[in-house]
PDB file of N, CA and C in Angstrom:
ATOM      1  N   SER A   1      -9.333   5.297   3.243  1.00  0.00           N
ATOM      2  CA  SER A   1      -8.297   6.175   2.736  1.00  0.00           C
ATOM      3  C   SER A   1      -8.189   6.018   1.214  1.00  0.00           C
ATOM      4  N   VAL A   2      -7.509   6.946   0.596  1.00  0.00           N
ATOM      5  CA  VAL A   2      -7.304   6.880  -0.852  1.00  0.00           C
ATOM      6  C   VAL A   2      -6.515   5.625  -1.220  1.00  0.00           C
ATOM      7  N   ALA A   3      -5.486   5.308  -0.446  1.00  0.00           N
ATOM      8  CA  ALA A   3      -4.673   4.118  -0.743  1.00  0.00           C
ATOM      9  C   ALA A   3      -5.517   2.849  -0.661  1.00  0.00           C
ATOM     10  N   GLU A   4      -6.421   2.779   0.299  1.00  0.00           N
ATOM     11  CA  GLU A   4      -7.307   1.621   0.413  1.00  0.00           C
ATOM     12  C   GLU A   4      -8.232   1.530  -0.794  1.00  0.00           C
ATOM     13  N   GLN A   5      -8.796   2.663  -1.189  1.00  0.00           N
ATOM     14  CA  GLN A   5      -9.687   2.686  -2.352  1.00  0.00           C
ATOM     15  C   GLN A   5      -8.945   2.285  -3.622  1.00  0.00           C
ATOM     16  N   MET A   6      -7.710   2.763  -3.764  1.00  0.00           N
ATOM     17  CA  MET A   6      -6.907   2.406  -4.939  1.00  0.00           C
ATOM     18  C   MET A   6      -6.623   0.907  -4.975  1.00  0.00           C
ATOM     19  N   ALA A   7      -6.232   0.343  -3.825  1.00  0.00           N
ATOM     20  CA  ALA A   7      -5.920  -1.087  -3.774  1.00  0.00           C
ATOM     21  C   ALA A   7      -7.168  -1.926  -4.041  1.00  0.00           C
ATOM     22  N   ALA A   8      -8.284  -1.571  -3.417  1.00  0.00           N
ATOM     23  CA  ALA A   8      -9.525  -2.322  -3.633  1.00  0.00           C
ATOM     24  C   ALA A   8      -9.980  -2.210  -5.084  1.00  0.00           C
ATOM     25  N   GLY A   9      -9.861  -1.031  -5.660  1.00  0.00           N
ATOM     26  CA  GLY A   9     -10.243  -0.847  -7.056  1.00  0.00           C
ATOM     27  C   GLY A   9      -9.383  -1.662  -7.999  1.00  0.00           C
ATOM     28  N   ALA A  10      -8.077  -1.694  -7.731  1.00  0.00           N
ATOM     29  CA  ALA A  10      -7.168  -2.492  -8.567  1.00  0.00           C
ATOM     30  C   ALA A  10      -7.492  -3.973  -8.441  1.00  0.00           C
ATOM     31  N   ARG A  11      -7.738  -4.421  -7.215  1.00  0.00           N
ATOM     32  CA  ARG A  11      -8.077  -5.831  -6.983  1.00  0.00           C
ATOM     33  C   ARG A  11      -9.365  -6.202  -7.715  1.00  0.00           C
ATOM     34  N   ASP A  12     -10.380  -5.365  -7.565  1.00  0.00           N
ATOM     35  CA  ASP A  12     -11.680  -5.663  -8.171  1.00  0.00           C
ATOM     36  C   ASP A  12     -11.628  -5.588  -9.695  1.00  0.00           C
ATOM     37  N   ARG A  13     -10.972  -4.569 -10.205  1.00  0.00           N
ATOM     38  CA  ARG A  13     -10.913  -4.398 -11.664  1.00  0.00           C
ATOM     39  C   ARG A  13     -10.119  -5.521 -12.336  1.00  0.00           C
ATOM     40  N   ALA A  14      -9.027  -5.936 -11.689  1.00  0.00           N
ATOM     41  CA  ALA A  14      -8.189  -6.992 -12.264  1.00  0.00           C
ATOM     42  C   ALA A  14      -8.717  -8.391 -11.955  1.00  0.00           C
ATOM     43  N   GLY A  15      -9.645  -8.483 -10.998  1.00  0.00           N
ATOM     44  CA  GLY A  15     -10.172  -9.783 -10.617  1.00  0.00           C
ATOM     45  C   GLY A  15      -9.149 -10.656  -9.923  1.00  0.00           C
ATOM     46  N   THR A  16      -8.283 -10.035  -9.124  1.00  0.00           N
ATOM     47  CA  THR A  16      -7.214 -10.760  -8.444  1.00  0.00           C
ATOM     48  C   THR A  16      -7.548 -10.977  -6.978  1.00  0.00           C
ATOM     49  N   THR A  17      -6.758 -11.798  -6.336  1.00  0.00           N
ATOM     50  CA  THR A  17      -6.902 -12.025  -4.903  1.00  0.00           C
ATOM     51  C   THR A  17      -6.235 -10.910  -4.110  1.00  0.00           C
ATOM     52  N   TRP A  18      -5.112 -10.423  -4.587  1.00  0.00           N
ATOM     53  CA  TRP A  18      -4.326  -9.404  -3.896  1.00  0.00           C
ATOM     54  C   TRP A  18      -4.094  -8.199  -4.796  1.00  0.00           C
ATOM     55  N   ALA A  19      -3.996  -7.033  -4.174  1.00  0.00           N
ATOM     56  CA  ALA A  19      -3.562  -5.823  -4.877  1.00  0.00           C
ATOM     57  C   ALA A  19      -2.895  -4.902  -3.869  1.00  0.00           C
ATOM     58  N   VAL A  20      -1.978  -4.106  -4.364  1.00  0.00           N
ATOM     59  CA  VAL A  20      -1.277  -3.132  -3.535  1.00  0.00           C
ATOM     60  C   VAL A  20      -1.235  -1.816  -4.297  1.00  0.00           C
ATOM     61  N   ALA A  21      -1.297  -0.707  -3.564  1.00  0.00           N
ATOM     62  CA  ALA A  21      -1.276   0.615  -4.185  1.00  0.00           C
ATOM     63  C   ALA A  21      -0.525   1.581  -3.280  1.00  0.00           C
ATOM     64  N   THR A  22       0.065   2.596  -3.896  1.00  0.00           N
ATOM     65  CA  THR A  22       0.734   3.643  -3.125  1.00  0.00           C
ATOM     66  C   THR A  22       0.253   5.002  -3.590  1.00  0.00           C
ATOM     67  N   THR A  23       0.254   5.934  -2.667  1.00  0.00           N
ATOM     68  CA  THR A  23      -0.029   7.328  -2.974  1.00  0.00           C
ATOM     69  C   THR A  23       0.716   8.167  -1.949  1.00  0.00           C
ATOM     70  N   GLY A  24       1.103   9.350  -2.346  1.00  0.00           N
ATOM     71  CA  GLY A  24       1.823  10.195  -1.404  1.00  0.00           C
ATOM     72  C   GLY A  24       2.517  11.342  -2.092  1.00  0.00           C
ATOM     73  N   ILE A  25       3.490  11.898  -1.382  1.00  0.00           N
ATOM     74  CA  ILE A  25       4.207  13.076  -1.854  1.00  0.00           C
ATOM     75  C   ILE A  25       5.685  12.715  -1.953  1.00  0.00           C
ATOM     76  N   ALA A  26       6.151  12.468  -3.170  1.00  0.00           N
ATOM     77  CA  ALA A  26       7.540  12.064  -3.379  1.00  0.00           C
ATOM     78  C   ALA A  26       8.486  13.261  -3.434  1.00  0.00           C
ATOM     79  N   GLY A  27       7.949  14.452  -3.684  1.00  0.00           N
ATOM     80  CA  GLY A  27       8.771  15.646  -3.740  1.00  0.00           C
ATOM     81  C   GLY A  27       9.256  15.933  -5.149  1.00  0.00           C
ATOM     82  N   PRO A  28      10.075  16.912  -5.334  1.00  0.00           N
ATOM     83  CA  PRO A  28      10.687  17.712  -4.274  1.00  0.00           C
ATOM     84  C   PRO A  28       9.742  18.757  -3.680  1.00  0.00           C
ATOM     85  N   ASP A  29       8.645  19.054  -4.371  1.00  0.00           N
ATOM     86  CA  ASP A  29       7.694  20.052  -3.881  1.00  0.00           C
ATOM     87  C   ASP A  29       6.401  19.372  -3.473  1.00  0.00           C
ATOM     88  N   GLY A  30       5.491  20.169  -2.920  1.00  0.00           N
ATOM     89  CA  GLY A  30       4.161  19.687  -2.606  1.00  0.00           C
ATOM     90  C   GLY A  30       3.927  19.345  -1.159  1.00  0.00           C
ATOM     91  N   GLY A  31       4.963  19.344  -0.344  1.00  0.00           N
ATOM     92  CA  GLY A  31       4.800  19.004   1.058  1.00  0.00           C
ATOM     93  C   GLY A  31       4.283  20.164   1.884  1.00  0.00           C
ATOM     94  N   THR A  32       3.634  19.833   2.988  1.00  0.00           N
ATOM     95  CA  THR A  32       3.178  20.811   3.972  1.00  0.00           C
ATOM     96  C   THR A  32       3.575  20.297   5.348  1.00  0.00           C
ATOM     97  N   ALA A  33       3.294  21.078   6.375  1.00  0.00           N
ATOM     98  CA  ALA A  33       3.597  20.629   7.735  1.00  0.00           C
ATOM     99  C   ALA A  33       2.809  19.363   8.077  1.00  0.00           C
ATOM    100  N   GLU A  34       1.556  19.290   7.621  1.00  0.00           N
ATOM    101  CA  GLU A  34       0.714  18.131   7.908  1.00  0.00           C
ATOM    102  C   GLU A  34       1.034  16.946   6.997  1.00  0.00           C
ATOM    103  N   LYS A  35       1.444  17.247   5.767  1.00  0.00           N
ATOM    104  CA  LYS A  35       1.743  16.210   4.776  1.00  0.00           C
ATOM    105  C   LYS A  35       3.109  16.499   4.161  1.00  0.00           C
ATOM    106  N   PRO A  36       4.176  16.091   4.857  1.00  0.00           N
ATOM    107  CA  PRO A  36       5.522  16.425   4.380  1.00  0.00           C
ATOM    108  C   PRO A  36       5.933  15.610   3.156  1.00  0.00           C
ATOM    109  N   VAL A  37       6.914  16.132   2.437  1.00  0.00           N
ATOM    110  CA  VAL A  37       7.525  15.360   1.357  1.00  0.00           C
ATOM    111  C   VAL A  37       8.034  14.060   1.963  1.00  0.00           C
ATOM    112  N   GLY A  38       7.771  12.971   1.306  1.00  0.00           N
ATOM    113  CA  GLY A  38       8.153  11.653   1.804  1.00  0.00           C
ATOM    114  C   GLY A  38       7.009  10.898   2.453  1.00  0.00           C
ATOM    115  N   LEU A  39       5.863  11.564   2.656  1.00  0.00           N
ATOM    116  CA  LEU A  39       4.698  10.894   3.225  1.00  0.00           C
ATOM    117  C   LEU A  39       4.086   9.979   2.166  1.00  0.00           C
ATOM    118  N   VAL A  40       3.952   8.712   2.507  1.00  0.00           N
ATOM    119  CA  VAL A  40       3.403   7.722   1.575  1.00  0.00           C
ATOM    120  C   VAL A  40       2.401   6.853   2.328  1.00  0.00           C
ATOM    121  N   TYR A  41       1.293   6.575   1.671  1.00  0.00           N
ATOM    122  CA  TYR A  41       0.317   5.616   2.178  1.00  0.00           C
ATOM    123  C   TYR A  41       0.356   4.400   1.263  1.00  0.00           C
ATOM    124  N   VAL A  42       0.394   3.226   1.872  1.00  0.00           N
ATOM    125  CA  VAL A  42       0.423   1.966   1.138  1.00  0.00           C
ATOM    126  C   VAL A  42      -0.879   1.230   1.437  1.00  0.00           C
ATOM    127  N   GLY A  43      -1.633   0.925   0.404  1.00  0.00           N
ATOM    128  CA  GLY A  43      -2.868   0.165   0.567  1.00  0.00           C
ATOM    129  C   GLY A  43      -2.683  -1.268   0.111  1.00  0.00           C
ATOM    130  N   VAL A  44      -3.271  -2.190   0.862  1.00  0.00           N
ATOM    131  CA  VAL A  44      -3.257  -3.608   0.509  1.00  0.00           C
ATOM    132  C   VAL A  44      -4.692  -4.113   0.562  1.00  0.00           C
ATOM    133  N   ALA A  45      -5.115  -4.813  -0.481  1.00  0.00           N
ATOM    134  CA  ALA A  45      -6.459  -5.379  -0.544  1.00  0.00           C
ATOM    135  C   ALA A  45      -6.371  -6.883  -0.769  1.00  0.00           C
ATOM    136  N   TYR A  46      -7.192  -7.617  -0.028  1.00  0.00           N
ATOM    137  CA  TYR A  46      -7.236  -9.078  -0.121  1.00  0.00           C
ATOM    138  C   TYR A  46      -8.675  -9.523  -0.326  1.00  0.00           C
ATOM    139  N   ALA A  47      -8.903 -10.360  -1.310  1.00  0.00           N
ATOM    140  CA  ALA A  47     -10.215 -10.961  -1.552  1.00  0.00           C
ATOM    141  C   ALA A  47     -10.138 -12.424  -1.142  1.00  0.00           C
ATOM    142  N   ALA A  48     -10.733 -12.742  -0.013  1.00  0.00           N
ATOM    143  CA  ALA A  48     -10.695 -14.111   0.492  1.00  0.00           C
ATOM    144  C   ALA A  48     -11.538 -15.028  -0.379  1.00  0.00           C
ATOM    145  N   PRO A  49     -11.152 -16.305  -0.440  1.00  0.00           N
ATOM    146  CA  PRO A  49     -12.005 -17.266  -1.144  1.00  0.00           C
ATOM    147  C   PRO A  49     -13.394 -17.291  -0.505  1.00  0.00           C
ATOM    148  N   TRP A  50     -14.396 -17.496  -1.332  1.00  0.00           N
ATOM    149  CA  TRP A  50     -15.778 -17.478  -0.856  1.00  0.00           C
ATOM    150  C   TRP A  50     -15.956 -18.468   0.293  1.00  0.00           C
ATOM    151  N   GLY A  51     -16.494 -17.988   1.421  1.00  0.00           N
ATOM    152  CA  GLY A  51     -16.796 -18.847   2.552  1.00  0.00           C
ATOM    153  C   GLY A  51     -15.615 -19.182   3.443  1.00  0.00           C
ATOM    154  N   THR A  52     -14.487 -18.488   3.256  1.00  0.00           N
ATOM    155  CA  THR A  52     -13.318 -18.746   4.104  1.00  0.00           C
ATOM    156  C   THR A  52     -12.976 -17.478   4.873  1.00  0.00           C
ATOM    157  N   GLU A  53     -11.685 -17.195   5.001  1.00  0.00           N
ATOM    158  CA  GLU A  53     -11.263 -16.015   5.747  1.00  0.00           C
ATOM    159  C   GLU A  53     -11.947 -14.772   5.192  1.00  0.00           C
ATOM    160  N   GLU A  54     -11.978 -13.750   6.011  1.00  0.00           N
ATOM    161  CA  GLU A  54     -12.616 -12.516   5.572  1.00  0.00           C
ATOM    162  C   GLU A  54     -11.679 -11.683   4.718  1.00  0.00           C
ATOM    163  N   SER A  55     -12.248 -11.079   3.701  1.00  0.00           N
ATOM    164  CA  SER A  55     -11.498 -10.134   2.873  1.00  0.00           C
ATOM    165  C   SER A  55     -11.153  -8.912   3.704  1.00  0.00           C
ATOM    166  N   PHE A  56     -10.124  -8.187   3.289  1.00  0.00           N
ATOM    167  CA  PHE A  56      -9.802  -6.937   3.970  1.00  0.00           C
ATOM    168  C   PHE A  56      -9.110  -5.972   3.028  1.00  0.00           C
ATOM    169  N   VAL A  57      -9.176  -4.719   3.426  1.00  0.00           N
ATOM    170  CA  VAL A  57      -8.440  -3.639   2.781  1.00  0.00           C
ATOM    171  C   VAL A  57      -7.866  -2.810   3.913  1.00  0.00           C
ATOM    172  N   ARG A  58      -6.583  -2.483   3.821  1.00  0.00           N
ATOM    173  CA  ARG A  58      -5.960  -1.680   4.882  1.00  0.00           C
ATOM    174  C   ARG A  58      -4.901  -0.769   4.288  1.00  0.00           C
ATOM    175  N   ALA A  59      -4.505   0.203   5.075  1.00  0.00           N
ATOM    176  CA  ALA A  59      -3.459   1.127   4.634  1.00  0.00           C
ATOM    177  C   ALA A  59      -2.461   1.344   5.757  1.00  0.00           C
ATOM    178  N   GLU A  60      -1.229   1.568   5.363  1.00  0.00           N
ATOM    179  CA  GLU A  60      -0.159   1.929   6.289  1.00  0.00           C
ATOM    180  C   GLU A  60       0.377   3.291   5.886  1.00  0.00           C
ATOM    181  N   ARG A  61       0.742   4.082   6.877  1.00  0.00           N
ATOM    182  CA  ARG A  61       1.329   5.409   6.654  1.00  0.00           C
ATOM    183  C   ARG A  61       2.815   5.317   6.968  1.00  0.00           C
ATOM    184  N   VAL A  62       3.651   5.765   6.043  1.00  0.00           N
ATOM    185  CA  VAL A  62       5.093   5.806   6.271  1.00  0.00           C
ATOM    186  C   VAL A  62       5.618   7.165   5.829  1.00  0.00           C
ATOM    187  N   VAL A  63       6.659   7.618   6.495  1.00  0.00           N
ATOM    188  CA  VAL A  63       7.347   8.845   6.084  1.00  0.00           C
ATOM    189  C   VAL A  63       8.767   8.440   5.718  1.00  0.00           C
ATOM    190  N   LEU A  64       9.128   8.698   4.474  1.00  0.00           N
ATOM    191  CA  LEU A  64      10.403   8.255   3.918  1.00  0.00           C
ATOM    192  C   LEU A  64      11.304   9.451   3.647  1.00  0.00           C
ATOM    193  N   ASP A  65      12.606   9.248   3.764  1.00  0.00           N
ATOM    194  CA  ASP A  65      13.536  10.345   3.518  1.00  0.00           C
ATOM    195  C   ASP A  65      14.228  10.169   2.175  1.00  0.00           C
ATOM    196  N   GLY A  66      14.904  11.219   1.750  1.00  0.00           N
ATOM    197  CA  GLY A  66      15.650  11.179   0.504  1.00  0.00           C
ATOM    198  C   GLY A  66      15.037  12.057  -0.565  1.00  0.00           C
ATOM    199  N   ASP A  67      15.692  12.066  -1.725  1.00  0.00           N
ATOM    200  CA  ASP A  67      15.167  12.829  -2.855  1.00  0.00           C
ATOM    201  C   ASP A  67      14.001  12.068  -3.487  1.00  0.00           C
ATOM    202  N   ARG A  68      13.432  12.640  -4.533  1.00  0.00           N
ATOM    203  CA  ARG A  68      12.252  12.044  -5.166  1.00  0.00           C
ATOM    204  C   ARG A  68      12.476  10.585  -5.572  1.00  0.00           C
ATOM    205  N   ALA A  69      13.606  10.312  -6.204  1.00  0.00           N
ATOM    206  CA  ALA A  69      13.896   8.945  -6.647  1.00  0.00           C
ATOM    207  C   ALA A  69      14.002   7.991  -5.460  1.00  0.00           C
ATOM    208  N   ALA A  70      14.650   8.440  -4.385  1.00  0.00           N
ATOM    209  CA  ALA A  70      14.803   7.595  -3.198  1.00  0.00           C
ATOM    210  C   ALA A  70      13.455   7.322  -2.543  1.00  0.00           C
ATOM    211  N   VAL A  71      12.610   8.339  -2.458  1.00  0.00           N
ATOM    212  CA  VAL A  71      11.280   8.153  -1.867  1.00  0.00           C
ATOM    213  C   VAL A  71      10.486   7.138  -2.691  1.00  0.00           C
ATOM    214  N   LYS A  72      10.564   7.239  -4.002  1.00  0.00           N
ATOM    215  CA  LYS A  72       9.840   6.294  -4.858  1.00  0.00           C
ATOM    216  C   LYS A  72      10.355   4.863  -4.671  1.00  0.00           C
ATOM    217  N   ARG A  73      11.667   4.696  -4.597  1.00  0.00           N
ATOM    218  CA  ARG A  73      12.235   3.353  -4.373  1.00  0.00           C
ATOM    219  C   ARG A  73      11.814   2.802  -3.016  1.00  0.00           C
ATOM    220  N   LYS A  74      11.891   3.643  -2.003  1.00  0.00           N
ATOM    221  CA  LYS A  74      11.522   3.205  -0.654  1.00  0.00           C
ATOM    222  C   LYS A  74      10.022   2.924  -0.552  1.00  0.00           C
ATOM    223  N   ALA A  75       9.213   3.644  -1.317  1.00  0.00           N
ATOM    224  CA  ALA A  75       7.770   3.381  -1.330  1.00  0.00           C
ATOM    225  C   ALA A  75       7.485   1.994  -1.905  1.00  0.00           C
ATOM    226  N   VAL A  76       8.231   1.607  -2.932  1.00  0.00           N
ATOM    227  CA  VAL A  76       8.085   0.255  -3.488  1.00  0.00           C
ATOM    228  C   VAL A  76       8.456  -0.778  -2.431  1.00  0.00           C
ATOM    229  N   ASP A  77       9.564  -0.549  -1.722  1.00  0.00           N
ATOM    230  CA  ASP A  77       9.969  -1.468  -0.654  1.00  0.00           C
ATOM    231  C   ASP A  77       8.891  -1.559   0.421  1.00  0.00           C
ATOM    232  N   ALA A  78       8.321  -0.411   0.804  1.00  0.00           N
ATOM    233  CA  ALA A  78       7.266  -0.390   1.822  1.00  0.00           C
ATOM    234  C   ALA A  78       6.032  -1.145   1.338  1.00  0.00           C
ATOM    235  N   ALA A  79       5.687  -0.974   0.067  1.00  0.00           N
ATOM    236  CA  ALA A  79       4.518  -1.658  -0.489  1.00  0.00           C
ATOM    237  C   ALA A  79       4.726  -3.169  -0.507  1.00  0.00           C
ATOM    238  N   LEU A  80       5.894  -3.597  -0.953  1.00  0.00           N
ATOM    239  CA  LEU A  80       6.172  -5.035  -0.977  1.00  0.00           C
ATOM    240  C   LEU A  80       6.199  -5.613   0.434  1.00  0.00           C
ATOM    241  N   GLY A  81       6.766  -4.861   1.374  1.00  0.00           N
ATOM    242  CA  GLY A  81       6.781  -5.314   2.767  1.00  0.00           C
ATOM    243  C   GLY A  81       5.378  -5.453   3.334  1.00  0.00           C
ATOM    244  N   ALA A  82       4.511  -4.479   3.049  1.00  0.00           N
ATOM    245  CA  ALA A  82       3.129  -4.540   3.525  1.00  0.00           C
ATOM    246  C   ALA A  82       2.404  -5.736   2.924  1.00  0.00           C
ATOM    247  N   LEU A  83       2.640  -5.993   1.650  1.00  0.00           N
ATOM    248  CA  LEU A  83       2.008  -7.129   0.985  1.00  0.00           C
ATOM    249  C   LEU A  83       2.490  -8.452   1.582  1.00  0.00           C
ATOM    250  N   VAL A  84       3.783  -8.587   1.798  1.00  0.00           N
ATOM    251  CA  VAL A  84       4.333  -9.817   2.383  1.00  0.00           C
ATOM    252  C   VAL A  84       3.747 -10.047   3.771  1.00  0.00           C
ATOM    253  N   ARG A  85       3.675  -9.004   4.600  1.00  0.00           N
ATOM    254  CA  ARG A  85       3.101  -9.153   5.945  1.00  0.00           C
ATOM    255  C   ARG A  85       1.646  -9.606   5.871  1.00  0.00           C
ATOM    256  N   ALA A  86       0.891  -9.038   4.951  1.00  0.00           N
ATOM    257  CA  ALA A  86      -0.520  -9.405   4.817  1.00  0.00           C
ATOM    258  C   ALA A  86      -0.674 -10.849   4.345  1.00  0.00           C
ATOM    259  N   VAL A  87       0.140 -11.263   3.379  1.00  0.00           N
ATOM    260  CA  VAL A  87       0.078 -12.648   2.892  1.00  0.00           C
ATOM    261  C   VAL A  87       0.401 -13.608   4.026  1.00  0.00           C
ATOM    262  N   ARG A  88       1.414 -13.304   4.793  1.00  0.00           N
ATOM    263  CA  ARG A  88       1.771 -14.162   5.929  1.00  0.00           C
ATOM    264  C   ARG A  88       0.640 -14.212   6.949  1.00  0.00           C
ATOM    265  N   GLU A  89      -0.022 -13.100   7.144  1.00  0.00           N
ATOM    266  CA  GLU A  89      -1.117 -13.032   8.117  1.00  0.00           C
ATOM    267  C   GLU A  89      -2.245 -14.000   7.769  1.00  0.00           C
ATOM    268  N   VAL A  90      -2.542 -14.146   6.501  1.00  0.00           N
ATOM    269  CA  VAL A  90      -3.629 -15.049   6.106  1.00  0.00           C
ATOM    270  C   VAL A  90      -3.129 -16.471   5.838  1.00  0.00           C
ATOM    271  N   GLY A  91      -1.859 -16.712   6.151  1.00  0.00           N
ATOM    272  CA  GLY A  91      -1.337 -18.065   6.059  1.00  0.00           C
ATOM    273  C   GLY A  91      -0.814 -18.451   4.700  1.00  0.00           C
ATOM    274  N   GLY A  92      -0.475 -17.452   3.896  1.00  0.00           N
ATOM    275  CA  GLY A  92      -0.008 -17.753   2.559  1.00  0.00           C
ATOM    276  C   GLY A  92       1.486 -17.860   2.424  1.00  0.00           C
ATOM    277  N   GLY A  93       2.225 -17.879   3.510  1.00  0.00           N
ATOM    278  CA  GLY A  93       3.673 -17.988   3.395  1.00  0.00           C
ATOM    279  C   GLY A  93       4.347 -17.780   4.723  1.00  0.00           C
ATOM    280  N   GLU A  94       5.621 -18.046   4.754  1.00  0.00           N
ATOM    281  CA  GLU A  94       6.385 -17.880   5.983  1.00  0.00           C
ATOM    282  C   GLU A  94       7.450 -16.844   5.817  1.00  0.00           C
TER     283      GLU A  94
END
């Protein structure tokens, strides 16, 4: 997905272990029946240490309500939540 490509690109370009990215339709215009206003994809990319856990890139789809500002705020919350879940999954926190 685009969100996965964005997250992987950010991770690789910055040379980091983790990266997160969002893309979507915050509104007020641009939505369709298939891609409504509030549709956001959150990408998370992880680069595992050499010879340990496997690296991964994944995306989550969320549909958020509210005006443009609210969708943007909620997208940040969704991105941080996705990142926290991924970090916990690889044993980086509780």
